[in-house]
Protein backbone atom coordinates (compact mmCIF):
# COMPACT_ATOMS: atom_id res chain seq x y z
CA MET A 1 12.92 203.57 92.35
CA SER A 2 11.92 207.11 91.26
CA GLU A 3 11.09 208.05 87.76
CA TYR A 4 12.12 211.42 86.17
CA ASN A 5 12.19 212.45 82.54
CA GLY A 6 14.14 215.65 81.64
CA ILE A 7 17.45 217.38 80.93
CA LEU A 8 19.60 218.90 83.67
CA ASN A 9 22.03 221.62 83.19
CA LEU A 10 24.51 220.80 86.04
CA LEU A 11 27.59 222.67 87.18
CA LYS A 12 30.28 219.94 87.59
CA PRO A 13 32.76 220.74 90.39
CA PRO A 14 36.49 219.95 89.78
CA GLY A 15 37.85 216.67 91.14
CA ILE A 16 35.15 214.35 89.83
CA SER A 17 34.75 212.75 86.41
CA SER A 18 31.73 213.08 84.17
CA PHE A 19 30.88 209.50 84.89
CA GLY A 20 31.31 210.15 88.55
CA MET A 21 28.58 212.81 88.18
CA VAL A 22 26.39 210.29 86.44
CA GLY A 23 26.84 207.95 89.42
CA TRP A 24 26.09 210.78 91.85
CA LEU A 25 22.89 211.71 90.08
CA ARG A 26 21.75 208.14 90.01
CA ARG A 27 22.02 207.90 93.70
CA VAL A 28 20.34 211.41 94.21
CA LEU A 29 17.44 210.64 91.87
CA ASP A 30 17.23 206.98 92.86
CA MET A 31 17.13 205.79 89.27
CA ARG A 32 19.60 204.15 86.87
CA LYS A 33 18.71 205.66 83.56
CA ILE A 34 21.08 208.62 83.47
CA GLY A 35 23.41 209.79 80.60
CA HIS A 36 25.59 212.70 79.74
CA THR A 37 25.89 214.54 76.39
CA GLY A 38 29.62 215.28 76.62
CA THR A 39 32.53 214.84 78.89
CA LEU A 40 34.62 217.04 81.07
CA ASP A 41 37.99 216.22 82.49
CA PRO A 42 38.03 215.45 86.21
CA LEU A 43 40.15 218.55 86.81
CA ALA A 44 37.68 220.76 84.94
CA ALA A 45 34.48 222.40 86.21
CA GLY A 46 31.50 223.75 84.49
CA VAL A 47 28.52 223.04 82.34
CA LEU A 48 27.65 219.35 82.11
CA PRO A 49 24.25 218.53 80.54
CA LEU A 50 22.77 215.28 81.87
CA CYS A 51 19.64 213.44 80.78
CA ALA A 52 17.31 211.44 82.96
CA GLY A 53 14.79 208.72 82.09
CA LYS A 54 13.42 208.97 78.67
CA ALA A 55 15.53 212.06 78.02
CA THR A 56 18.41 209.71 77.47
CA ARG A 57 16.83 208.76 74.18
CA ILE A 58 17.17 212.32 72.75
CA ILE A 59 20.95 212.69 73.49
CA GLN A 60 21.66 212.00 69.83
CA PHE A 61 19.33 214.84 68.87
CA LEU A 62 20.62 217.51 71.19
CA PRO A 63 22.75 220.21 69.58
CA GLU A 64 26.24 220.29 71.04
CA GLY A 65 27.45 223.22 68.92
CA LYS A 66 30.22 225.55 70.06
CA LYS A 67 31.80 225.26 73.50
CA THR A 68 33.24 228.10 75.49
CA TYR A 69 35.96 227.67 78.21
CA ILE A 70 38.01 229.79 80.57
CA CYS A 71 41.48 228.23 80.98
CA ASP A 72 44.42 228.87 83.17
CA MET A 73 47.79 227.61 81.73
CA LYS A 74 51.22 227.59 83.25
CA LEU A 75 54.41 227.92 81.15
CA GLY A 76 57.72 226.17 81.94
CA ILE A 77 56.42 222.77 82.83
CA SER A 78 54.92 219.73 81.06
CA THR A 79 53.17 216.57 82.29
CA ASN A 80 52.22 213.24 80.74
CA THR A 81 48.49 214.16 81.10
CA LEU A 82 48.90 217.81 79.96
CA ASP A 83 47.35 218.93 83.26
CA LEU A 84 48.42 218.98 86.88
CA GLU A 85 47.14 215.50 87.54
CA GLY A 86 50.02 213.83 85.72
CA LYS A 87 53.67 213.31 86.22
CA ILE A 88 56.06 216.07 85.34
CA THR A 89 57.97 215.22 82.10
CA ASP A 90 59.87 218.34 81.42
CA ARG A 91 60.74 221.91 82.78
CA ASP A 92 62.34 224.97 81.35
CA GLU A 93 62.56 228.64 82.11
CA SER A 94 62.68 230.14 78.59
CA TRP A 95 59.31 231.68 79.27
CA LYS A 96 61.10 234.36 81.35
CA GLU A 97 62.23 235.93 78.10
CA LEU A 98 58.79 236.18 76.62
CA LYS A 99 57.05 239.58 75.94
CA PRO A 100 53.35 240.13 75.98
CA ALA A 101 53.35 241.12 72.30
CA ILE A 102 54.86 237.80 71.27
CA ILE A 103 52.38 235.94 73.40
CA MET A 104 49.45 237.73 71.88
CA ASP A 105 50.69 237.02 68.35
CA VAL A 106 51.09 233.31 69.08
CA PHE A 107 47.48 233.21 70.46
CA LYS A 108 46.15 234.91 67.33
CA SER A 109 47.87 232.27 65.13
CA PHE A 110 45.61 229.56 66.68
CA GLN A 111 42.33 231.18 65.61
CA GLY A 112 40.43 229.50 62.79
CA LYS A 113 40.65 225.90 61.55
CA ILE A 114 43.68 224.01 62.99
CA GLU A 115 44.91 220.45 63.33
CA GLN A 116 45.32 219.01 66.79
CA VAL A 117 46.69 215.74 68.15
CA PRO A 118 44.47 214.46 70.98
CA PRO A 119 46.11 213.78 74.39
CA MET A 120 47.21 210.26 75.23
CA PHE A 121 45.13 210.60 78.47
CA SER A 122 41.76 210.75 76.81
CA ALA A 123 38.62 208.65 76.43
CA ILE A 124 39.25 207.99 72.65
CA ASN A 125 38.70 204.33 71.87
CA TYR A 126 41.60 202.42 70.36
CA LYS A 127 41.06 198.71 69.57
CA GLY A 128 38.46 198.25 72.28
CA LYS A 129 40.39 200.18 74.97
CA ARG A 130 40.35 203.77 76.10
CA LEU A 131 43.60 205.64 75.40
CA TYR A 132 43.88 206.66 79.07
CA GLN A 133 43.79 202.88 80.05
CA LEU A 134 46.73 202.19 77.67
CA ALA A 135 48.57 205.34 78.98
CA ARG A 136 48.25 203.98 82.55
CA GLU A 137 49.91 200.77 81.32
CA GLY A 138 52.83 202.85 80.11
CA LYS A 139 51.88 202.49 76.47
CA GLU A 140 52.12 205.41 73.90
CA ILE A 141 49.86 205.16 70.81
CA GLU A 142 50.43 207.26 67.76
CA ARG A 143 47.39 209.47 67.38
CA GLU A 144 46.31 211.08 64.10
CA SER A 145 45.73 214.79 64.16
CA ARG A 146 42.15 216.06 63.95
CA ASP A 147 40.58 219.12 62.37
CA VAL A 148 39.02 221.44 64.93
CA GLU A 149 38.06 224.99 64.85
CA ILE A 150 38.89 227.89 67.22
CA PHE A 151 36.21 230.50 66.68
CA ASP A 152 37.46 232.94 69.28
CA LEU A 153 40.58 233.12 71.42
CA GLU A 154 40.97 235.89 73.92
CA ILE A 155 43.75 236.43 76.45
CA LEU A 156 42.24 237.62 79.70
CA GLU A 157 45.38 237.98 81.84
CA ILE A 158 49.08 237.52 81.55
CA ASN A 159 50.85 236.96 84.81
CA LEU A 160 53.92 234.86 83.79
CA PRO A 161 54.36 232.03 84.02
CA ASN A 162 50.53 231.89 84.15
CA ILE A 163 48.17 232.95 81.32
CA ARG A 164 44.41 233.00 81.57
CA PHE A 165 42.30 232.92 78.30
CA LYS A 166 38.86 232.43 77.03
CA VAL A 167 38.23 230.09 74.04
CA THR A 168 35.22 229.27 71.91
CA CYS A 169 35.79 226.13 69.86
CA SER A 170 34.19 223.29 67.95
CA LYS A 171 33.13 219.92 69.40
CA GLY A 172 36.07 217.61 69.82
CA THR A 173 38.60 220.26 70.69
CA TYR A 174 40.93 219.35 73.59
CA ILE A 175 41.88 222.43 75.54
CA ARG A 176 44.86 220.56 77.18
CA SER A 177 46.21 219.95 73.64
CA LEU A 178 45.63 223.57 72.77
CA VAL A 179 47.68 224.56 75.83
CA ARG A 180 50.45 222.12 74.85
CA ASP A 181 50.60 223.42 71.30
CA ILE A 182 50.61 227.15 72.42
CA GLY A 183 53.44 226.36 74.68
CA LYS A 184 55.40 224.65 71.79
CA LYS A 185 54.92 227.67 69.59
CA LEU A 186 56.23 229.90 72.41
CA ASP A 187 59.32 227.62 72.47
CA THR A 188 58.61 226.38 76.04
CA GLU A 189 56.64 223.85 77.93
CA ALA A 190 53.02 224.43 79.06
CA VAL A 191 50.40 222.67 81.17
CA MET A 192 46.68 223.36 81.95
CA ILE A 193 46.15 224.12 85.50
CA PHE A 194 42.41 225.04 85.56
CA LEU A 195 39.54 224.78 83.13
CA LEU A 196 35.92 226.08 83.42
CA ARG A 197 33.34 225.31 80.77
CA THR A 198 30.89 228.17 80.54
CA ARG A 199 28.86 227.05 77.62
CA SER A 200 28.17 223.83 75.76
CA GLY A 201 25.83 224.36 72.74
CA PRO A 202 22.66 225.86 74.10
CA PHE A 203 23.54 225.05 77.84
CA ASP A 204 24.94 228.12 79.69
CA ILE A 205 26.68 228.31 82.96
CA LYS A 206 24.32 231.19 84.02
CA ASN A 207 21.38 228.67 84.19
CA ALA A 208 23.48 225.77 85.60
CA LEU A 209 22.58 224.08 88.89
CA TYR A 210 25.05 223.46 91.58
CA PRO A 211 24.72 219.89 92.88
CA GLU A 212 23.59 221.39 96.28
CA GLU A 213 20.85 223.45 94.53
CA LEU A 214 19.58 220.30 92.72
CA GLU A 215 19.33 218.37 96.00
CA ARG A 216 17.52 221.30 97.75
CA ASN A 217 14.99 221.63 94.89
CA LEU A 218 14.48 217.86 94.83
CA THR A 219 13.68 217.97 98.58
CA GLU A 220 11.22 220.77 98.07
CA ASN A 221 9.77 218.90 94.99
CA ASN A 222 10.64 221.80 92.63
CA ARG A 223 10.92 219.76 89.46
CA GLU A 224 10.47 222.77 87.24
CA LYS A 225 13.62 224.31 88.63
CA ILE A 226 15.60 221.13 88.03
CA PHE A 227 14.48 219.61 84.69
CA ILE A 228 14.49 221.22 81.28
CA PRO A 229 11.69 219.84 79.04
CA LEU A 230 12.86 217.26 76.48
CA THR A 231 11.82 219.43 73.50
CA GLU A 232 13.38 222.72 74.77
CA TYR A 233 16.51 222.58 72.72
CA LEU A 234 15.32 220.31 69.81
CA ASP A 235 15.31 222.61 66.77
CA PHE A 236 12.80 220.61 64.81
CA PRO A 237 9.35 221.55 63.50
CA LYS A 238 6.64 220.79 66.14
CA LEU A 239 3.47 219.56 64.51
CA LYS A 240 0.19 218.66 66.25
CA ILE A 241 -1.72 215.59 65.28
CA LYS A 242 -5.45 215.23 64.72
CA SER A 243 -7.54 213.46 67.48
CA ASP A 244 -8.34 210.43 65.25
CA ALA A 245 -4.60 209.75 64.75
CA PHE A 246 -3.81 209.92 68.57
CA ILE A 247 -3.83 206.18 69.17
CA ARG A 248 -1.77 205.29 66.12
CA ALA A 249 0.81 208.05 66.94
CA THR A 250 1.22 206.91 70.59
CA ASN A 251 1.62 203.39 69.42
CA GLY A 252 4.38 204.24 67.07
CA ALA A 253 2.47 203.71 63.80
CA PHE A 254 3.45 205.44 60.55
CA LEU A 255 1.53 208.72 59.96
CA TYR A 256 0.84 210.91 56.93
CA LYS A 257 0.28 214.52 56.10
CA GLU A 258 -3.52 214.19 56.41
CA ASP A 259 -2.94 213.05 60.11
CA LEU A 260 -1.61 216.44 61.05
CA LEU A 261 -3.86 219.28 62.40
CA ASN A 262 -1.84 222.27 61.16
CA LEU A 263 1.53 222.45 59.30
CA ASN A 264 2.30 226.02 60.58
CA GLY A 265 3.98 226.81 57.40
CA TYR A 266 6.19 223.65 57.42
CA GLU A 267 7.11 222.11 54.08
CA PHE A 268 7.95 218.51 54.04
CA ASN A 269 11.43 217.45 53.07
CA LYS A 270 12.77 213.86 53.11
CA ASP A 271 14.99 212.97 56.01
CA ASP A 272 13.77 215.84 58.11
CA ASP A 273 13.28 215.19 61.89
CA ILE A 274 10.00 216.52 63.31
CA ILE A 275 8.24 216.48 66.65
CA LEU A 276 4.66 215.17 67.04
CA TYR A 277 2.49 216.38 69.85
CA ASP A 278 -0.99 216.54 71.13
CA ASP A 279 -1.78 219.51 73.48
CA ASP A 280 0.89 218.95 76.18
CA LEU A 281 1.83 215.51 75.23
CA PHE A 282 5.19 215.15 73.51
CA ILE A 283 4.46 211.96 71.49
CA SER A 284 7.50 211.24 69.26
CA ILE A 285 10.40 212.35 67.07
CA CYS A 286 9.66 211.18 63.49
CA GLN A 287 11.73 211.19 60.40
CA VAL A 288 10.17 212.18 57.03
CA ASP A 289 10.28 209.75 54.28
CA PHE A 290 8.82 209.74 50.73
CA GLU A 291 7.20 206.55 49.57
CA ASP A 292 4.62 205.67 46.79
CA GLY A 293 4.24 209.35 45.85
CA ARG A 294 3.54 210.76 49.36
CA TYR A 295 5.30 211.72 52.50
CA VAL A 296 5.27 209.34 55.46
CA LEU A 297 6.28 210.11 59.10
CA LYS A 298 8.28 207.20 60.53
CA PRO A 299 8.68 207.30 64.30
CA ASP A 300 12.36 207.20 65.52
CA LYS A 301 11.63 207.64 69.20
CA VAL A 302 8.31 207.45 70.88
CA PHE A 303 8.08 209.18 74.30
CA ASN A 304 4.38 209.97 75.29
CA ILE A 305 5.46 212.43 77.94
CA GLU A 306 3.27 215.25 79.28
CA GLU A 307 5.07 218.64 78.89
CA ASN A 308 4.75 222.07 77.30
CA VAL A 309 6.18 221.92 73.80
């Protein structure tokens, strides 16, 4: 089995689930330890950050931040999945009376903090089962609304019954639900017909790799074109240790302020996360604690991976 440690910014094609992409990458890299930082619906395409090897241990630290999508929606139809993969549940033609000005006003009303009910066909856990599993069994579970935020919502094209828009939103926002709710406010039905995620936190589609590109670079052994260093998007102070603290640091021992070579202006604060390194060796992520009158660095994850930090 191969061994790779790094983050990948992949461009997921439509028609495959996020877990399906994990399985594909496991086969391509010939390794089991693969994880993703967020899901995309099978119908959707776009940015899907994946982590390989020891990088799976930093998923919890990666900033997810805002997400940006381009979405195509169709008025006059609804499905049980809120996209084209589901069964049609209703139709109407009242959209034919809509004027562009009304549509624009409705879109504006969704900007800011809103409440949103997640779709029944989603990966939300309910009593040990995913909601989509229950939905496939013909069960409907009452879902509580969630607070999400729409930072920006821009109509790109109106070609009724289709509307294309761009949205930047908070983590946990379901675009299918947004489409459904916009349709309701327009007094018609609506369904998502295409979705492209162009940004997820620091991961941008401009730098995303097509699966074919990844395979080609892997064949040519161009690892630097495939993998992003583990510390690239970790917004923590990076502090270098002294040589006499190296063995203790790499073994996961507690360290103290006097074990650091240079603080680079950093001032200790309890519960801070910091990165410890030695030259090009990314040693660990530690959490700052305060005990017996002094700060102590307690390792959360130890990596001992050579890379440029």
